[in-house]
Amino acid sequence: MKLLLTSGGVTNDSIRTALVDLLGKPVGEASALCIPTAMYAHPWVGMGEKPWQFVAGRAQNPMVDLGWASMGLLELTALPSIDRDLWEPRVREVDALVVAGGDVLYLAHWLRESGLLEMLPVLEETTWLGLSAGSMVMTPEVGEDFIQWRPPSGDTSTLGWVDFSICPHLAADGEPGNSLEEARSWAAGISGPAYAMDDRTAVQVVDGEVEWVSEGTWLQL
């Protein structure tokens, strides 16, 4: 699986170019499924209007509304209750999974419970396009500052597909997001490499090779 981990979505030409390169075709010729699951458990998002806005392509973060050839919905919480034959073939055939932000541990939990996680290693040509928590879930740990919901098991680990952690939404003091001071405080509790990135930045990971894509600011903490 190819990863494009964003803080704020496909917010500029550099990130869009990286997405096209990973897809191997224009976005307008690519198929995708969007995953809104992480949104439900986050106290600032929750059920209702905001998940609908994401799915409908009416959110402020450019993700679903990029002009895809086709876009479907993959709701992780529904998958354990239905036959795999109803959803697995569709996952295998699409070019991208477009994953919303929200609560990262809730997303990690339902990736495991749904059975989708066990499929990811075989999706070698699929692009994972993450937004905020949809990016952080691919890291080994997120730190206490980003934990709201906790799984019944108490396990706070994420998926560990990359070997570094991410603090998204880096912003100047007084602006919405995470200040540099807050990011440094978060990084103090992370055991491995830790980076902060603003909403004009993404990180691309293909076959273990990491490349930062940015028209803004990112830094190692």
Protein backbone atom coordinates (compact mmCIF):
# COMPACT_ATOMS: atom_id res chain seq x y z
CA MET A 1 0.00 0.00 0.00
CA LYS A 2 1.17 3.52 -0.85
CA LEU A 3 0.60 6.21 1.78
CA LEU A 4 -0.12 9.92 1.44
CA LEU A 5 -0.51 11.20 4.98
CA THR A 6 -1.87 14.74 5.17
CA SER A 7 -2.68 17.09 8.00
CA GLY A 8 -5.42 19.08 6.29
CA GLY A 9 -6.21 17.21 3.07
CA VAL A 10 -5.09 17.89 -0.49
CA THR A 11 -4.69 21.59 0.11
CA ASN A 12 -2.25 22.62 -2.61
CA ASP A 13 -0.79 21.70 -6.00
CA SER A 14 2.24 19.93 -4.51
CA ILE A 15 0.12 17.50 -2.51
CA ARG A 16 -2.21 16.93 -5.44
CA THR A 17 0.76 16.19 -7.72
CA ALA A 18 2.01 13.64 -5.18
CA LEU A 19 -1.43 12.04 -5.12
CA VAL A 20 -1.53 11.77 -8.91
CA ASP A 21 1.96 10.24 -8.93
CA LEU A 22 0.89 7.62 -6.39
CA LEU A 23 -2.32 6.84 -8.26
CA GLY A 24 -0.46 6.58 -11.55
CA LYS A 25 -3.31 8.40 -13.27
CA PRO A 26 -5.26 11.66 -12.98
CA VAL A 27 -7.66 11.88 -10.05
CA GLY A 28 -10.49 12.17 -12.58
CA GLU A 29 -9.70 8.66 -13.81
CA ALA A 30 -9.32 7.09 -10.36
CA SER A 31 -11.85 5.31 -8.14
CA ALA A 32 -11.98 5.63 -4.37
CA LEU A 33 -13.85 4.71 -1.21
CA CYS A 34 -14.14 7.17 1.66
CA ILE A 35 -13.99 6.06 5.28
CA PRO A 36 -15.67 8.48 7.75
CA THR A 37 -15.51 6.17 10.78
CA ALA A 38 -12.97 8.12 12.85
CA MET A 39 -15.27 11.12 13.02
CA TYR A 40 -17.93 9.51 15.20
CA ALA A 41 -15.95 9.25 18.43
CA HIS A 42 -14.23 12.65 18.40
CA PRO A 43 -15.78 15.17 20.84
CA TRP A 44 -15.42 18.05 18.38
CA VAL A 45 -16.92 16.14 15.47
CA GLY A 46 -19.23 13.33 16.53
CA MET A 47 -22.25 11.98 14.73
CA GLY A 48 -24.41 14.10 12.47
CA GLU A 49 -23.60 17.00 10.19
CA LYS A 50 -19.81 16.83 9.91
CA PRO A 51 -19.53 13.17 8.84
CA TRP A 52 -22.22 13.84 6.26
CA GLN A 53 -20.28 16.86 5.00
CA PHE A 54 -17.16 14.74 4.60
CA VAL A 55 -18.95 11.97 2.73
CA ALA A 56 -20.79 14.49 0.54
CA GLY A 57 -17.59 16.35 -0.33
CA ARG A 58 -18.76 19.47 1.46
CA ALA A 59 -16.14 19.56 4.20
CA GLN A 60 -13.48 22.26 4.37
CA ASN A 61 -10.72 19.68 3.83
CA PRO A 62 -10.24 18.80 0.14
CA MET A 63 -10.53 15.01 -0.01
CA VAL A 64 -13.79 13.58 -1.39
CA ASP A 65 -14.38 16.58 -3.64
CA LEU A 66 -11.20 16.26 -5.76
CA GLY A 67 -13.03 15.17 -8.91
CA TRP A 68 -12.67 11.39 -8.57
CA ALA A 69 -14.06 9.22 -11.38
CA SER A 70 -16.07 7.38 -8.72
CA MET A 71 -16.44 7.66 -4.97
CA GLY A 72 -18.08 5.16 -2.65
CA LEU A 73 -18.58 4.78 1.09
CA LEU A 74 -16.82 2.20 3.24
CA GLU A 75 -18.22 2.25 6.78
CA LEU A 76 -15.97 0.15 8.99
CA THR A 77 -18.46 -0.31 11.83
CA ALA A 78 -20.84 -2.11 9.44
CA LEU A 79 -18.36 -4.61 8.03
CA PRO A 80 -18.26 -7.20 10.85
CA SER A 81 -22.02 -7.73 10.51
CA ILE A 82 -22.09 -8.43 6.77
CA ASP A 83 -20.58 -11.05 4.51
CA ARG A 84 -17.06 -10.19 3.26
CA ASP A 85 -18.16 -10.94 -0.29
CA LEU A 86 -20.32 -7.82 -0.12
CA TRP A 87 -17.41 -5.44 0.47
CA GLU A 88 -14.02 -7.06 -0.07
CA PRO A 89 -14.15 -7.16 -3.90
CA ARG A 90 -14.92 -3.44 -4.02
CA VAL A 91 -11.99 -2.63 -1.72
CA ARG A 92 -9.66 -4.65 -3.92
CA GLU A 93 -10.66 -2.86 -7.12
CA VAL A 94 -10.49 0.81 -6.11
CA ASP A 95 -7.43 3.00 -6.56
CA ALA A 96 -7.61 4.81 -3.22
CA LEU A 97 -8.98 4.75 0.30
CA VAL A 98 -9.79 8.29 1.49
CA VAL A 99 -9.74 8.30 5.28
CA ALA A 100 -11.27 11.05 7.40
CA GLY A 101 -9.86 12.53 10.56
CA GLY A 102 -11.45 12.32 13.99
CA ASP A 103 -10.52 9.96 16.80
CA VAL A 104 -7.42 7.97 15.92
CA LEU A 105 -7.87 5.11 18.41
CA TYR A 106 -11.48 4.62 17.37
CA LEU A 107 -10.31 4.35 13.78
CA ALA A 108 -7.53 1.90 14.70
CA HIS A 109 -10.02 -0.20 16.67
CA TRP A 110 -12.47 -0.47 13.78
CA LEU A 111 -9.76 -1.14 11.23
CA ARG A 112 -8.90 -4.19 13.30
CA GLU A 113 -12.47 -5.23 14.12
CA SER A 114 -13.74 -4.78 10.58
CA GLY A 115 -11.18 -7.06 8.95
CA LEU A 116 -9.93 -4.29 6.68
CA LEU A 117 -6.55 -4.13 8.42
CA GLU A 118 -5.70 -7.69 7.48
CA MET A 119 -6.38 -6.82 3.83
CA LEU A 120 -4.10 -3.81 3.64
CA PRO A 121 -0.82 -5.68 3.01
CA VAL A 122 -2.18 -7.20 -0.22
CA LEU A 123 -3.39 -3.84 -1.56
CA GLU A 124 0.02 -3.06 -3.01
CA GLU A 125 -1.20 -0.63 -5.69
CA THR A 126 -3.81 1.11 -3.54
CA THR A 127 -3.19 4.61 -2.18
CA TRP A 128 -4.14 5.39 1.41
CA LEU A 129 -5.01 9.10 1.52
CA GLY A 130 -5.25 10.09 5.17
CA LEU A 131 -6.51 13.26 6.80
CA SER A 132 -5.29 14.09 10.34
CA ALA A 133 -6.29 11.00 12.39
CA GLY A 134 -6.56 9.12 9.10
CA SER A 135 -2.82 9.76 8.79
CA MET A 136 -1.89 9.37 12.45
CA VAL A 137 -3.39 5.88 12.55
CA MET A 138 -0.51 4.66 10.39
CA THR A 139 2.06 5.69 13.02
CA PRO A 140 3.16 3.55 16.00
CA GLU A 141 1.84 5.87 18.72
CA VAL A 142 -0.12 9.11 19.01
CA GLY A 143 0.57 10.24 22.57
CA GLU A 144 -1.84 11.12 25.37
CA ASP A 145 -2.66 14.55 23.94
CA PHE A 146 -4.54 12.95 21.06
CA ILE A 147 -6.40 10.26 23.00
CA GLN A 148 -10.09 10.86 23.68
CA TRP A 149 -11.75 7.46 23.15
CA ARG A 150 -10.13 4.30 24.49
CA PRO A 151 -10.84 0.80 23.17
CA PRO A 152 -12.26 -1.86 25.49
CA SER A 153 -8.90 -3.64 25.44
CA GLY A 154 -7.13 -0.54 26.74
CA ASP A 155 -4.60 -0.85 23.90
CA THR A 156 -3.49 2.64 22.82
CA SER A 157 -1.17 1.52 20.04
CA THR A 158 -1.87 2.48 16.45
CA LEU A 159 -0.92 0.51 13.34
CA GLY A 160 2.81 1.21 13.04
CA TRP A 161 3.00 1.17 9.24
CA VAL A 162 5.55 3.97 9.54
CA ASP A 163 8.19 4.35 12.26
CA PHE A 164 7.49 7.97 13.20
CA SER A 165 4.66 9.87 14.88
CA ILE A 166 2.84 12.96 13.60
CA CYS A 167 1.41 16.04 15.27
CA PRO A 168 -0.92 17.54 12.62
CA HIS A 169 -2.38 21.04 12.26
CA LEU A 170 0.74 22.95 13.28
CA ALA A 171 -0.25 26.62 13.38
CA ALA A 172 1.13 29.95 14.46
CA ASP A 173 0.33 31.07 17.99
CA GLY A 174 -3.23 32.35 18.22
CA GLU A 175 -4.41 30.53 15.09
CA PRO A 176 -6.62 27.42 15.09
CA GLY A 177 -4.55 24.27 15.42
CA ASN A 178 -1.57 23.16 17.47
CA SER A 179 1.09 25.69 18.40
CA LEU A 180 4.78 24.82 18.26
CA GLU A 181 4.86 24.86 22.06
CA GLU A 182 1.99 22.35 22.17
CA ALA A 183 3.71 20.21 19.56
CA ARG A 184 6.96 20.16 21.55
CA SER A 185 5.04 19.20 24.70
CA TRP A 186 3.36 16.36 22.79
CA ALA A 187 6.68 15.15 21.38
CA ALA A 188 8.14 14.84 24.87
CA GLY A 189 5.81 11.90 25.45
CA ILE A 190 6.60 10.10 22.18
CA SER A 191 9.20 7.33 22.35
CA GLY A 192 10.31 7.42 18.70
CA PRO A 193 10.85 10.04 15.99
CA ALA A 194 8.20 12.76 16.08
CA TYR A 195 7.24 15.41 13.54
CA ALA A 196 4.88 18.36 13.45
CA MET A 197 3.25 19.40 10.17
CA ASP A 198 0.88 22.13 9.11
CA ASP A 199 -2.15 21.80 6.85
CA ARG A 200 -0.10 22.59 3.73
CA THR A 201 2.10 19.57 4.27
CA ALA A 202 1.91 15.83 3.63
CA VAL A 203 4.27 12.88 3.90
CA GLN A 204 4.48 10.27 1.17
CA VAL A 205 5.60 6.73 1.97
CA VAL A 206 6.22 4.12 -0.73
CA ASP A 207 8.13 0.87 -0.09
CA GLY A 208 9.54 2.35 3.09
CA GLU A 209 10.85 5.48 1.35
CA VAL A 210 9.66 8.67 3.05
CA GLU A 211 9.29 11.98 1.23
CA TRP A 212 7.89 15.20 2.63
CA VAL A 213 5.62 17.22 0.35
CA SER A 214 5.05 20.75 1.52
CA GLU A 215 4.20 24.30 0.61
CA GLY A 216 4.17 25.11 4.31
CA THR A 217 5.97 24.03 7.47
CA TRP A 218 7.08 20.73 8.94
CA LEU A 219 9.83 19.90 11.41
CA GLN A 220 11.27 17.10 13.46
CA LEU A 221 10.81 17.62 17.18
